[in-house]
């Protein structure tokens, strides 16, 4: 989508043919070939392999071992850091649920998020 600029309002009340030409040149569409070439140049700088970061790299699927390791880490984070964060937030409704209830519900939400994909 090309963003068009609004023509600037003339500061003087004169309507000379020269001022009309300037307004016409503002309303012209930019040369799309120039923009396409500059995008190609930028895209060429990104890496296309796993070793280099960027949007153009190929994606590696997650293994079952990686999934299990990540789940264990998330469980540890929920057990050790969720309840102190809830208490520090001052949200009395969540505090009233208790540590176990908050942990259980957080794990349930994570499982639901995994199955919604």
PDB file of N, CA and C in Angstrom:
ATOM      1  N   UNK A   1       0.845  -1.163   0.000  1.00  0.00           N
ATOM      2  CA  UNK A   1       0.000   0.000   0.000  1.00  0.00           C
ATOM      3  C   UNK A   1       0.892   1.228   0.000  1.00  0.00           C
ATOM      4  N   UNK A   2       0.646   2.145  -0.890  1.00  0.00           N
ATOM      5  CA  UNK A   2       1.447   3.345  -1.025  1.00  0.00           C
ATOM      6  C   UNK A   2       0.775   4.457  -0.254  1.00  0.00           C
ATOM      7  N   UNK A   3       1.535   5.078   0.634  1.00  0.00           N
ATOM      8  CA  UNK A   3       1.004   6.172   1.416  1.00  0.00           C
ATOM      9  C   UNK A   3       1.095   7.441   0.582  1.00  0.00           C
ATOM     10  N   UNK A   4      -0.015   8.111   0.419  1.00  0.00           N
ATOM     11  CA  UNK A   4      -0.030   9.337  -0.362  1.00  0.00           C
ATOM     12  C   UNK A   4       0.067  10.530   0.564  1.00  0.00           C
ATOM     13  N   UNK A   5       0.833  11.486   0.125  1.00  0.00           N
ATOM     14  CA  UNK A   5       0.956  12.705   0.901  1.00  0.00           C
ATOM     15  C   UNK A   5      -0.138  13.672   0.486  1.00  0.00           C
ATOM     16  N   UNK A   6      -0.612  14.408   1.455  1.00  0.00           N
ATOM     17  CA  UNK A   6      -1.587  15.443   1.171  1.00  0.00           C
ATOM     18  C   UNK A   6      -0.892  16.621   0.523  1.00  0.00           C
ATOM     19  N   UNK A   7      -1.530  17.244  -0.447  1.00  0.00           N
ATOM     20  CA  UNK A   7      -0.893  18.433  -1.024  1.00  0.00           C
ATOM     21  C   UNK A   7      -0.836  19.524   0.025  1.00  0.00           C
ATOM     22  N   UNK A   8       0.276  20.223   0.052  1.00  0.00           N
ATOM     23  CA  UNK A   8       0.420  21.287   1.032  1.00  0.00           C
ATOM     24  C   UNK A   8      -0.444  22.468   0.626  1.00  0.00           C
ATOM     25  N   UNK A   9      -0.983  23.139   1.606  1.00  0.00           N
ATOM     26  CA  UNK A   9      -1.823  24.289   1.308  1.00  0.00           C
ATOM     27  C   UNK A   9      -0.930  25.452   0.943  1.00  0.00           C
ATOM     28  N   UNK A  10      -1.268  26.166  -0.106  1.00  0.00           N
ATOM     29  CA  UNK A  10      -0.420  27.290  -0.512  1.00  0.00           C
ATOM     30  C   UNK A  10      -0.439  28.371   0.548  1.00  0.00           C
ATOM     31  N   UNK A  11       0.735  28.956   0.797  1.00  0.00           N
ATOM     32  CA  UNK A  11       0.832  30.004   1.804  1.00  0.00           C
ATOM     33  C   UNK A  11       0.395  31.349   1.254  1.00  0.00           C
ATOM     34  N   UNK A  12       0.541  31.531  -0.037  1.00  0.00           N
ATOM     35  CA  UNK A  12       0.094  32.791  -0.628  1.00  0.00           C
ATOM     36  C   UNK A  12      -1.206  32.543  -1.390  1.00  0.00           C
ATOM     37  N   UNK A  13      -1.946  33.601  -1.605  1.00  0.00           N
ATOM     38  CA  UNK A  13      -3.221  33.456  -2.297  1.00  0.00           C
ATOM     39  C   UNK A  13      -3.070  33.478  -3.807  1.00  0.00           C
ATOM     40  N   UNK A  14      -1.844  33.597  -4.304  1.00  0.00           N
ATOM     41  CA  UNK A  14      -1.644  33.636  -5.752  1.00  0.00           C
ATOM     42  C   UNK A  14      -1.797  32.240  -6.327  1.00  0.00           C
ATOM     43  N   UNK A  15      -2.431  32.165  -7.467  1.00  0.00           N
ATOM     44  CA  UNK A  15      -2.622  30.883  -8.140  1.00  0.00           C
ATOM     45  C   UNK A  15      -1.918  30.929  -9.483  1.00  0.00           C
ATOM     46  N   UNK A  16      -0.622  30.906  -9.432  1.00  0.00           N
ATOM     47  CA  UNK A  16       0.152  30.935 -10.667  1.00  0.00           C
ATOM     48  C   UNK A  16       0.242  29.531 -11.228  1.00  0.00           C
ATOM     49  N   UNK A  17       0.477  29.396 -12.539  1.00  0.00           N
ATOM     50  CA  UNK A  17       0.620  28.065 -13.128  1.00  0.00           C
ATOM     51  C   UNK A  17       1.781  27.290 -12.521  1.00  0.00           C
ATOM     52  N   UNK A  18       2.793  28.012 -12.053  1.00  0.00           N
ATOM     53  CA  UNK A  18       3.947  27.337 -11.467  1.00  0.00           C
ATOM     54  C   UNK A  18       3.561  26.645 -10.161  1.00  0.00           C
ATOM     55  N   UNK A  19       2.727  27.300  -9.343  1.00  0.00           N
ATOM     56  CA  UNK A  19       2.315  26.685  -8.083  1.00  0.00           C
ATOM     57  C   UNK A  19       1.423  25.474  -8.337  1.00  0.00           C
ATOM     58  N   UNK A  20       0.623  25.494  -9.402  1.00  0.00           N
ATOM     59  CA  UNK A  20      -0.202  24.338  -9.747  1.00  0.00           C
ATOM     60  C   UNK A  20       0.664  23.166 -10.178  1.00  0.00           C
ATOM     61  N   UNK A  21       1.773  23.437 -10.850  1.00  0.00           N
ATOM     62  CA  UNK A  21       2.689  22.385 -11.268  1.00  0.00           C
ATOM     63  C   UNK A  21       3.311  21.719 -10.049  1.00  0.00           C
ATOM     64  N   UNK A  22       3.661  22.505  -9.044  1.00  0.00           N
ATOM     65  CA  UNK A  22       4.252  21.941  -7.831  1.00  0.00           C
ATOM     66  C   UNK A  22       3.260  21.028  -7.122  1.00  0.00           C
ATOM     67  N   UNK A  23       2.008  21.429  -7.077  1.00  0.00           N
ATOM     68  CA  UNK A  23       0.999  20.586  -6.444  1.00  0.00           C
ATOM     69  C   UNK A  23       0.805  19.302  -7.236  1.00  0.00           C
ATOM     70  N   UNK A  24       0.875  19.396  -8.553  1.00  0.00           N
ATOM     71  CA  UNK A  24       0.720  18.208  -9.393  1.00  0.00           C
ATOM     72  C   UNK A  24       1.865  17.224  -9.166  1.00  0.00           C
ATOM     73  N   UNK A  25       3.076  17.734  -8.997  1.00  0.00           N
ATOM     74  CA  UNK A  25       4.215  16.832  -8.798  1.00  0.00           C
ATOM     75  C   UNK A  25       4.149  16.141  -7.445  1.00  0.00           C
ATOM     76  N   UNK A  26       3.530  16.756  -6.473  1.00  0.00           N
ATOM     77  CA  UNK A  26       3.386  16.129  -5.160  1.00  0.00           C
ATOM     78  C   UNK A  26       2.425  14.952  -5.248  1.00  0.00           C
ATOM     79  N   UNK A  27       1.385  15.086  -6.065  1.00  0.00           N
ATOM     80  CA  UNK A  27       0.361  14.057  -6.159  1.00  0.00           C
ATOM     81  C   UNK A  27       0.764  12.875  -7.028  1.00  0.00           C
ATOM     82  N   UNK A  28       1.894  12.952  -7.715  1.00  0.00           N
ATOM     83  CA  UNK A  28       2.313  11.849  -8.565  1.00  0.00           C
ATOM     84  C   UNK A  28       2.729  10.664  -7.713  1.00  0.00           C
ATOM     85  N   UNK A  29       2.471   9.467  -8.225  1.00  0.00           N
ATOM     86  CA  UNK A  29       2.865   8.256  -7.515  1.00  0.00           C
ATOM     87  C   UNK A  29       4.373   8.077  -7.617  1.00  0.00           C
ATOM     88  N   UNK A  30       5.009   7.567  -6.564  1.00  0.00           N
ATOM     89  CA  UNK A  30       6.451   7.328  -6.629  1.00  0.00           C
ATOM     90  C   UNK A  30       6.759   6.185  -7.585  1.00  0.00           C
ATOM     91  N   UNK A  31       7.971   6.181  -8.079  1.00  0.00           N
ATOM     92  CA  UNK A  31       8.399   5.138  -9.001  1.00  0.00           C
ATOM     93  C   UNK A  31       8.526   3.832  -8.225  1.00  0.00           C
ATOM     94  N   UNK A  32       7.662   2.871  -8.519  1.00  0.00           N
ATOM     95  CA  UNK A  32       7.619   1.618  -7.769  1.00  0.00           C
ATOM     96  C   UNK A  32       8.833   0.747  -8.036  1.00  0.00           C
ATOM     97  N   UNK A  33       9.472   0.895  -9.196  1.00  0.00           N
ATOM     98  CA  UNK A  33      10.647   0.086  -9.507  1.00  0.00           C
ATOM     99  C   UNK A  33      11.792   0.412  -8.563  1.00  0.00           C
ATOM    100  N   UNK A  34      11.943   1.676  -8.232  1.00  0.00           N
ATOM    101  CA  UNK A  34      13.020   2.077  -7.330  1.00  0.00           C
ATOM    102  C   UNK A  34      12.791   1.456  -5.961  1.00  0.00           C
ATOM    103  N   UNK A  35      11.563   1.486  -5.462  1.00  0.00           N
ATOM    104  CA  UNK A  35      11.270   0.905  -4.154  1.00  0.00           C
ATOM    105  C   UNK A  35      11.481  -0.602  -4.160  1.00  0.00           C
ATOM    106  N   UNK A  36      11.098  -1.275  -5.226  1.00  0.00           N
ATOM    107  CA  UNK A  36      11.267  -2.724  -5.304  1.00  0.00           C
ATOM    108  C   UNK A  36      12.743  -3.089  -5.300  1.00  0.00           C
ATOM    109  N   UNK A  37      13.564  -2.320  -5.995  1.00  0.00           N
ATOM    110  CA  UNK A  37      14.996  -2.603  -6.020  1.00  0.00           C
ATOM    111  C   UNK A  37      15.619  -2.392  -4.653  1.00  0.00           C
ATOM    112  N   UNK A  38      15.183  -1.356  -3.927  1.00  0.00           N
ATOM    113  CA  UNK A  38      15.758  -1.119  -2.609  1.00  0.00           C
ATOM    114  C   UNK A  38      15.354  -2.224  -1.638  1.00  0.00           C
ATOM    115  N   UNK A  39      14.153  -2.784  -1.784  1.00  0.00           N
ATOM    116  CA  UNK A  39      13.738  -3.895  -0.927  1.00  0.00           C
ATOM    117  C   UNK A  39      14.554  -5.142  -1.225  1.00  0.00           C
ATOM    118  N   UNK A  40      14.864  -5.362  -2.501  1.00  0.00           N
ATOM    119  CA  UNK A  40      15.687  -6.516  -2.856  1.00  0.00           C
ATOM    120  C   UNK A  40      17.070  -6.384  -2.243  1.00  0.00           C
ATOM    121  N   UNK A  41      17.607  -5.182  -2.259  1.00  0.00           N
ATOM    122  CA  UNK A  41      18.938  -4.968  -1.701  1.00  0.00           C
ATOM    123  C   UNK A  41      18.929  -5.227  -0.201  1.00  0.00           C
ATOM    124  N   UNK A  42      17.896  -4.770   0.481  1.00  0.00           N
ATOM    125  CA  UNK A  42      17.806  -5.007   1.919  1.00  0.00           C
ATOM    126  C   UNK A  42      17.619  -6.489   2.214  1.00  0.00           C
ATOM    127  N   UNK A  43      16.786  -7.149   1.445  1.00  0.00           N
ATOM    128  CA  UNK A  43      16.515  -8.567   1.657  1.00  0.00           C
ATOM    129  C   UNK A  43      17.735  -9.417   1.391  1.00  0.00           C
ATOM    130  N   UNK A  44      18.589  -8.988   0.503  1.00  0.00           N
ATOM    131  CA  UNK A  44      19.785  -9.751   0.188  1.00  0.00           C
ATOM    132  C   UNK A  44      20.789  -9.762   1.316  1.00  0.00           C
ATOM    133  N   UNK A  45      20.698  -8.812   2.226  1.00  0.00           N
ATOM    134  CA  UNK A  45      21.633  -8.749   3.336  1.00  0.00           C
ATOM    135  C   UNK A  45      21.306  -9.770   4.410  1.00  0.00           C
ATOM    136  N   UNK A  46      20.068 -10.219   4.477  1.00  0.00           N
ATOM    137  CA  UNK A  46      19.679 -11.201   5.485  1.00  0.00           C
ATOM    138  C   UNK A  46      20.241 -12.563   5.128  1.00  0.00           C
ATOM    139  N   UNK A  47      20.467 -13.356   6.149  1.00  0.00           N
ATOM    140  CA  UNK A  47      20.980 -14.693   5.913  1.00  0.00           C
ATOM    141  C   UNK A  47      19.862 -15.669   5.636  1.00  0.00           C
ATOM    142  N   UNK A  48      20.155 -16.697   4.875  1.00  0.00           N
ATOM    143  CA  UNK A  48      19.145 -17.690   4.580  1.00  0.00           C
ATOM    144  C   UNK A  48      19.446 -19.019   5.236  1.00  0.00           C
ATOM    145  N   UNK A  49      20.381 -19.042   6.183  1.00  0.00           N
ATOM    146  CA  UNK A  49      20.748 -20.294   6.835  1.00  0.00           C
ATOM    147  C   UNK A  49      20.365 -20.236   8.299  1.00  0.00           C
ATOM    148  N   UNK A  50      20.483 -21.380   8.964  1.00  0.00           N
ATOM    149  CA  UNK A  50      20.158 -21.447  10.388  1.00  0.00           C
ATOM    150  C   UNK A  50      21.156 -20.677  11.243  1.00  0.00           C
ATOM    151  N   UNK A  51      22.388 -20.509  10.763  1.00  0.00           N
ATOM    152  CA  UNK A  51      23.432 -19.911  11.582  1.00  0.00           C
ATOM    153  C   UNK A  51      23.280 -18.407  11.725  1.00  0.00           C
ATOM    154  N   UNK A  52      22.605 -17.751  10.805  1.00  0.00           N
ATOM    155  CA  UNK A  52      22.497 -16.306  10.889  1.00  0.00           C
ATOM    156  C   UNK A  52      21.082 -15.906  11.275  1.00  0.00           C
ATOM    157  N   UNK A  53      20.950 -14.906  12.168  1.00  0.00           N
ATOM    158  CA  UNK A  53      19.620 -14.474  12.567  1.00  0.00           C
ATOM    159  C   UNK A  53      18.956 -13.667  11.470  1.00  0.00           C
ATOM    160  N   UNK A  54      17.649 -13.654  11.458  1.00  0.00           N
ATOM    161  CA  UNK A  54      16.904 -12.877  10.481  1.00  0.00           C
ATOM    162  C   UNK A  54      15.618 -13.573  10.116  1.00  0.00           C
ATOM    163  N   UNK A  55      14.789 -12.876   9.412  1.00  0.00           N
ATOM    164  CA  UNK A  55      13.493 -13.426   9.047  1.00  0.00           C
ATOM    165  C   UNK A  55      13.594 -14.413   7.900  1.00  0.00           C
ATOM    166  N   UNK A  56      14.689 -14.389   7.149  1.00  0.00           N
ATOM    167  CA  UNK A  56      14.793 -15.223   5.967  1.00  0.00           C
ATOM    168  C   UNK A  56      15.320 -16.613   6.238  1.00  0.00           C
ATOM    169  N   UNK A  57      15.701 -16.928   7.478  1.00  0.00           N
ATOM    170  CA  UNK A  57      16.275 -18.232   7.786  1.00  0.00           C
ATOM    171  C   UNK A  57      15.247 -19.341   7.749  1.00  0.00           C
ATOM    172  N   UNK A  58      15.713 -20.560   7.529  1.00  0.00           N
ATOM    173  CA  UNK A  58      14.802 -21.703   7.526  1.00  0.00           C
ATOM    174  C   UNK A  58      14.486 -22.095   8.964  1.00  0.00           C
ATOM    175  N   UNK A  59      13.311 -22.645   9.176  1.00  0.00           N
ATOM    176  CA  UNK A  59      12.860 -22.993  10.521  1.00  0.00           C
ATOM    177  C   UNK A  59      13.153 -24.455  10.804  1.00  0.00           C
ATOM    178  N   UNK A  60      13.610 -24.715  12.017  1.00  0.00           N
ATOM    179  CA  UNK A  60      13.882 -26.071  12.457  1.00  0.00           C
ATOM    180  C   UNK A  60      12.739 -26.511  13.356  1.00  0.00           C
ATOM    181  N   UNK A  61      12.119 -27.651  13.093  1.00  0.00           N
ATOM    182  CA  UNK A  61      11.007 -28.102  13.941  1.00  0.00           C
ATOM    183  C   UNK A  61      11.498 -28.475  15.341  1.00  0.00           C
ATOM    184  N   UNK A  62      10.606 -28.305  16.327  1.00  0.00           N
ATOM    185  CA  UNK A  62      10.932 -28.639  17.708  1.00  0.00           C
ATOM    186  C   UNK A  62      10.883 -30.150  17.884  1.00  0.00           C
ATOM    187  N   UNK A  63      11.862 -30.675  18.597  1.00  0.00           N
ATOM    188  CA  UNK A  63      11.879 -32.109  18.884  1.00  0.00           C
ATOM    189  C   UNK A  63      11.083 -32.379  20.161  1.00  0.00           C
ATOM    190  N   UNK A  64      10.749 -33.629  20.396  1.00  0.00           N
ATOM    191  CA  UNK A  64      10.014 -34.016  21.604  1.00  0.00           C
ATOM    192  C   UNK A  64      10.857 -33.745  22.844  1.00  0.00           C
ATOM    193  N   UNK A  65      12.164 -33.980  22.742  1.00  0.00           N
ATOM    194  CA  UNK A  65      13.055 -33.727  23.875  1.00  0.00           C
ATOM    195  C   UNK A  65      13.075 -32.243  24.226  1.00  0.00           C
ATOM    196  N   UNK A  66      13.111 -31.386  23.207  1.00  0.00           N
ATOM    197  CA  UNK A  66      13.095 -29.944  23.459  1.00  0.00           C
ATOM    198  C   UNK A  66      11.774 -29.518  24.084  1.00  0.00           C
ATOM    199  N   UNK A  67      10.669 -30.074  23.596  1.00  0.00           N
ATOM    200  CA  UNK A  67       9.364 -29.764  24.174  1.00  0.00           C
ATOM    201  C   UNK A  67       9.318 -30.145  25.647  1.00  0.00           C
ATOM    202  N   UNK A  68       9.783 -31.348  25.971  1.00  0.00           N
ATOM    203  CA  UNK A  68       9.764 -31.810  27.362  1.00  0.00           C
ATOM    204  C   UNK A  68      10.659 -30.953  28.248  1.00  0.00           C
ATOM    205  N   UNK A  69      11.833 -30.580  27.740  1.00  0.00           N
ATOM    206  CA  UNK A  69      12.742 -29.734  28.516  1.00  0.00           C
ATOM    207  C   UNK A  69      12.114 -28.367  28.774  1.00  0.00           C
ATOM    208  N   UNK A  70      11.459 -27.818  27.766  1.00  0.00           N
ATOM    209  CA  UNK A  70      10.823 -26.517  27.928  1.00  0.00           C
ATOM    210  C   UNK A  70       9.658 -26.591  28.908  1.00  0.00           C
ATOM    211  N   UNK A  71       8.899 -27.669  28.865  1.00  0.00           N
ATOM    212  CA  UNK A  71       7.787 -27.845  29.806  1.00  0.00           C
ATOM    213  C   UNK A  71       8.309 -27.926  31.237  1.00  0.00           C
ATOM    214  N   UNK A  72       9.409 -28.649  31.447  1.00  0.00           N
ATOM    215  CA  UNK A  72      10.006 -28.737  32.786  1.00  0.00           C
ATOM    216  C   UNK A  72      10.445 -27.365  33.281  1.00  0.00           C
ATOM    217  N   UNK A  73      11.059 -26.590  32.401  1.00  0.00           N
ATOM    218  CA  UNK A  73      11.517 -25.250  32.788  1.00  0.00           C
ATOM    219  C   UNK A  73      10.323 -24.362  33.126  1.00  0.00           C
ATOM    220  N   UNK A  74       9.266 -24.441  32.328  1.00  0.00           N
ATOM    221  CA  UNK A  74       8.076 -23.630  32.612  1.00  0.00           C
ATOM    222  C   UNK A  74       7.436 -24.044  33.930  1.00  0.00           C
ATOM    223  N   UNK A  75       7.415 -25.336  34.226  1.00  0.00           N
ATOM    224  CA  UNK A  75       6.882 -25.800  35.511  1.00  0.00           C
ATOM    225  C   UNK A  75       7.683 -25.215  36.666  1.00  0.00           C
ATOM    226  N   UNK A  76       9.012 -25.214  36.531  1.00  0.00           N
ATOM    227  CA  UNK A  76       9.866 -24.652  37.582  1.00  0.00           C
ATOM    228  C   UNK A  76       9.615 -23.158  37.747  1.00  0.00           C
ATOM    229  N   UNK A  77       9.463 -22.453  36.642  1.00  0.00           N
ATOM    230  CA  UNK A  77       9.196 -21.014  36.713  1.00  0.00           C
ATOM    231  C   UNK A  77       7.857 -20.767  37.395  1.00  0.00           C
ATOM    232  N   UNK A  78       6.855 -21.562  37.049  1.00  0.00           N
ATOM    233  CA  UNK A  78       5.538 -21.410  37.676  1.00  0.00           C
ATOM    234  C   UNK A  78       5.636 -21.685  39.173  1.00  0.00           C
ATOM    235  N   UNK A  79       6.360 -22.733  39.559  1.00  0.00           N
ATOM    236  CA  UNK A  79       6.464 -23.095  40.975  1.00  0.00           C
ATOM    237  C   UNK A  79       7.230 -22.054  41.776  1.00  0.00           C
ATOM    238  N   UNK A  80       8.296 -21.503  41.199  1.00  0.00           N
ATOM    239  CA  UNK A  80       9.175 -20.631  41.987  1.00  0.00           C
ATOM    240  C   UNK A  80       8.888 -19.144  41.830  1.00  0.00           C
ATOM    241  N   UNK A  81       8.354 -18.717  40.699  1.00  0.00           N
ATOM    242  CA  UNK A  81       8.239 -17.277  40.466  1.00  0.00           C
ATOM    243  C   UNK A  81       6.816 -16.762  40.332  1.00  0.00           C
ATOM    244  N   UNK A  82       5.840 -17.634  40.109  1.00  0.00           N
ATOM    245  CA  UNK A  82       4.473 -17.164  39.892  1.00  0.00           C
ATOM    246  C   UNK A  82       3.867 -16.587  41.168  1.00  0.00           C
ATOM    247  N   UNK A  83       3.956 -17.315  42.269  1.00  0.00           N
ATOM    248  CA  UNK A  83       3.312 -16.857  43.497  1.00  0.00           C
ATOM    249  C   UNK A  83       3.921 -15.559  44.020  1.00  0.00           C
ATOM    250  N   UNK A  84       5.248 -15.410  44.059  1.00  0.00           N
ATOM    251  CA  UNK A  84       5.792 -14.101  44.468  1.00  0.00           C
ATOM    252  C   UNK A  84       5.339 -12.958  43.545  1.00  0.00           C
ATOM    253  N   UNK A  85       5.200 -13.243  42.254  1.00  0.00           N
ATOM    254  CA  UNK A  85       4.749 -12.206  41.325  1.00  0.00           C
ATOM    255  C   UNK A  85       3.287 -11.847  41.576  1.00  0.00           C
ATOM    256  N   UNK A  86       2.469 -12.846  41.917  1.00  0.00           N
ATOM    257  CA  UNK A  86       1.056 -12.581  42.213  1.00  0.00           C
ATOM    258  C   UNK A  86       0.942 -11.736  43.472  1.00  0.00           C
ATOM    259  N   UNK A  87       1.699 -12.096  44.512  1.00  0.00           N
ATOM    260  CA  UNK A  87       1.651 -11.317  45.753  1.00  0.00           C
ATOM    261  C   UNK A  87       2.130  -9.889  45.522  1.00  0.00           C
ATOM    262  N   UNK A  88       3.167  -9.722  44.724  1.00  0.00           N
ATOM    263  CA  UNK A  88       3.708  -8.389  44.458  1.00  0.00           C
ATOM    264  C   UNK A  88       2.754  -7.543  43.622  1.00  0.00           C
ATOM    265  N   UNK A  89       1.899  -8.194  42.830  1.00  0.00           N
ATOM    266  CA  UNK A  89       0.968  -7.439  41.980  1.00  0.00           C
ATOM    267  C   UNK A  89      -0.116  -6.753  42.799  1.00  0.00           C
ATOM    268  N   UNK A  90      -0.427  -7.314  43.964  1.00  0.00           N
ATOM    269  CA  UNK A  90      -1.465  -6.726  44.802  1.00  0.00           C
ATOM    270  C   UNK A  90      -2.880  -7.059  44.358  1.00  0.00           C
ATOM    271  N   UNK A  91      -3.039  -7.967  43.416  1.00  0.00           N
ATOM    272  CA  UNK A  91      -4.362  -8.373  42.941  1.00  0.00           C
ATOM    273  C   UNK A  91      -4.975  -9.300  43.990  1.00  0.00           C
ATOM    274  N   UNK A  92      -5.929  -8.774  44.755  1.00  0.00           N
ATOM    275  CA  UNK A  92      -6.495  -9.517  45.879  1.00  0.00           C
ATOM    276  C   UNK A  92      -7.291 -10.739  45.442  1.00  0.00           C
ATOM    277  N   UNK A  93      -7.880 -10.702  44.260  1.00  0.00           N
ATOM    278  CA  UNK A  93      -8.629 -11.865  43.781  1.00  0.00           C
ATOM    279  C   UNK A  93      -7.687 -13.036  43.521  1.00  0.00           C
ATOM    280  N   UNK A  94      -6.539 -12.761  42.903  1.00  0.00           N
ATOM    281  CA  UNK A  94      -5.581 -13.839  42.652  1.00  0.00           C
ATOM    282  C   UNK A  94      -4.935 -14.316  43.949  1.00  0.00           C
ATOM    283  N   UNK A  95      -4.662 -13.398  44.866  1.00  0.00           N
ATOM    284  CA  UNK A  95      -4.076 -13.791  46.151  1.00  0.00           C
ATOM    285  C   UNK A  95      -5.042 -14.699  46.897  1.00  0.00           C
ATOM    286  N   UNK A  96      -6.333 -14.415  46.814  1.00  0.00           N
ATOM    287  CA  UNK A  96      -7.339 -15.230  47.494  1.00  0.00           C
ATOM    288  C   UNK A  96      -7.400 -16.643  46.917  1.00  0.00           C
ATOM    289  N   UNK A  97      -7.005 -16.828  45.674  1.00  0.00           N
ATOM    290  CA  UNK A  97      -7.001 -18.165  45.066  1.00  0.00           C
ATOM    291  C   UNK A  97      -5.945 -19.065  45.690  1.00  0.00           C
ATOM    292  N   UNK A  98      -4.893 -18.481  46.187  1.00  0.00           N
ATOM    293  CA  UNK A  98      -3.838 -19.263  46.815  1.00  0.00           C
ATOM    294  C   UNK A  98      -2.771 -19.703  45.826  1.00  0.00           C
ATOM    295  N   UNK A  99      -1.647 -20.129  46.373  1.00  0.00           N
ATOM    296  CA  UNK A  99      -0.498 -20.512  45.555  1.00  0.00           C
ATOM    297  C   UNK A  99      -0.798 -21.733  44.699  1.00  0.00           C
ATOM    298  N   UNK A 100      -1.350 -22.772  45.327  1.00  0.00           N
ATOM    299  CA  UNK A 100      -1.612 -24.007  44.590  1.00  0.00           C
ATOM    300  C   UNK A 100      -2.634 -23.769  43.478  1.00  0.00           C
ATOM    301  N   UNK A 101      -3.701 -23.050  43.792  1.00  0.00           N
ATOM    302  CA  UNK A 101      -4.733 -22.781  42.792  1.00  0.00           C
ATOM    303  C   UNK A 101      -4.196 -21.982  41.613  1.00  0.00           C
ATOM    304  N   UNK A 102      -3.354 -20.998  41.901  1.00  0.00           N
ATOM    305  CA  UNK A 102      -2.785 -20.182  40.829  1.00  0.00           C
ATOM    306  C   UNK A 102      -1.848 -21.019  39.954  1.00  0.00           C
ATOM    307  N   UNK A 103      -1.038 -21.878  40.596  1.00  0.00           N
ATOM    308  CA  UNK A 103      -0.127 -22.736  39.826  1.00  0.00           C
ATOM    309  C   UNK A 103      -0.911 -23.714  38.952  1.00  0.00           C
ATOM    310  N   UNK A 104      -1.920 -24.319  39.523  1.00  0.00           N
ATOM    311  CA  UNK A 104      -2.727 -25.287  38.784  1.00  0.00           C
ATOM    312  C   UNK A 104      -3.384 -24.619  37.573  1.00  0.00           C
ATOM    313  N   UNK A 105      -3.951 -23.436  37.798  1.00  0.00           N
ATOM    314  CA  UNK A 105      -4.648 -22.749  36.714  1.00  0.00           C
ATOM    315  C   UNK A 105      -3.660 -22.267  35.640  1.00  0.00           C
ATOM    316  N   UNK A 106      -2.479 -21.834  36.043  1.00  0.00           N
ATOM    317  CA  UNK A 106      -1.474 -21.401  35.065  1.00  0.00           C
ATOM    318  C   UNK A 106      -1.065 -22.565  34.167  1.00  0.00           C
ATOM    319  N   UNK A 107      -0.869 -23.739  34.761  1.00  0.00           N
ATOM    320  CA  UNK A 107      -0.515 -24.916  33.958  1.00  0.00           C
ATOM    321  C   UNK A 107      -1.662 -25.301  33.026  1.00  0.00           C
ATOM    322  N   UNK A 108      -2.894 -25.181  33.519  1.00  0.00           N
ATOM    323  CA  UNK A 108      -4.060 -25.469  32.689  1.00  0.00           C
ATOM    324  C   UNK A 108      -4.121 -24.516  31.494  1.00  0.00           C
ATOM    325  N   UNK A 109      -3.859 -23.237  31.734  1.00  0.00           N
ATOM    326  CA  UNK A 109      -3.862 -22.258  30.645  1.00  0.00           C
ATOM    327  C   UNK A 109      -2.782 -22.566  29.617  1.00  0.00           C
ATOM    328  N   UNK A 110      -1.621 -23.005  30.078  1.00  0.00           N
ATOM    329  CA  UNK A 110      -0.550 -23.366  29.145  1.00  0.00           C
ATOM    330  C   UNK A 110      -0.956 -24.559  28.291  1.00  0.00           C
ATOM    331  N   UNK A 111      -1.575 -25.556  28.915  1.00  0.00           N
ATOM    332  CA  UNK A 111      -2.017 -26.730  28.152  1.00  0.00           C
ATOM    333  C   UNK A 111      -3.090 -26.352  27.138  1.00  0.00           C
ATOM    334  N   UNK A 112      -4.008 -25.489  27.528  1.00  0.00           N
ATOM    335  CA  UNK A 112      -5.059 -25.055  26.605  1.00  0.00           C
ATOM    336  C   UNK A 112      -4.464 -24.298  25.430  1.00  0.00           C
ATOM    337  N   UNK A 113      -3.464 -23.481  25.684  1.00  0.00           N
ATOM    338  CA  UNK A 113      -2.811 -22.738  24.609  1.00  0.00           C
ATOM    339  C   UNK A 113      -2.119 -23.655  23.633  1.00  0.00           C
ATOM    340  N   UNK A 114      -1.594 -24.773  24.133  1.00  0.00           N
ATOM    341  CA  UNK A 114      -0.907 -25.719  23.259  1.00  0.00           C
ATOM    342  C   UNK A 114      -1.893 -26.432  22.347  1.00  0.00           C
ATOM    343  N   UNK A 115      -3.104 -26.730  22.847  1.00  0.00           N
ATOM    344  CA  UNK A 115      -4.075 -27.472  22.047  1.00  0.00           C
ATOM    345  C   UNK A 115      -4.877 -26.568  21.127  1.00  0.00           C
ATOM    346  N   UNK A 116      -4.863 -25.254  21.340  1.00  0.00           N
ATOM    347  CA  UNK A 116      -5.648 -24.346  20.505  1.00  0.00           C
ATOM    348  C   UNK A 116      -5.032 -24.160  19.132  1.00  0.00           C
ATOM    349  N   UNK A 117      -3.772 -24.440  18.960  1.00  0.00           N
ATOM    350  CA  UNK A 117      -3.114 -24.256  17.669  1.00  0.00           C
ATOM    351  C   UNK A 117      -3.701 -25.170  16.703  1.00  0.00           C
TER     352      UNK A 117
END
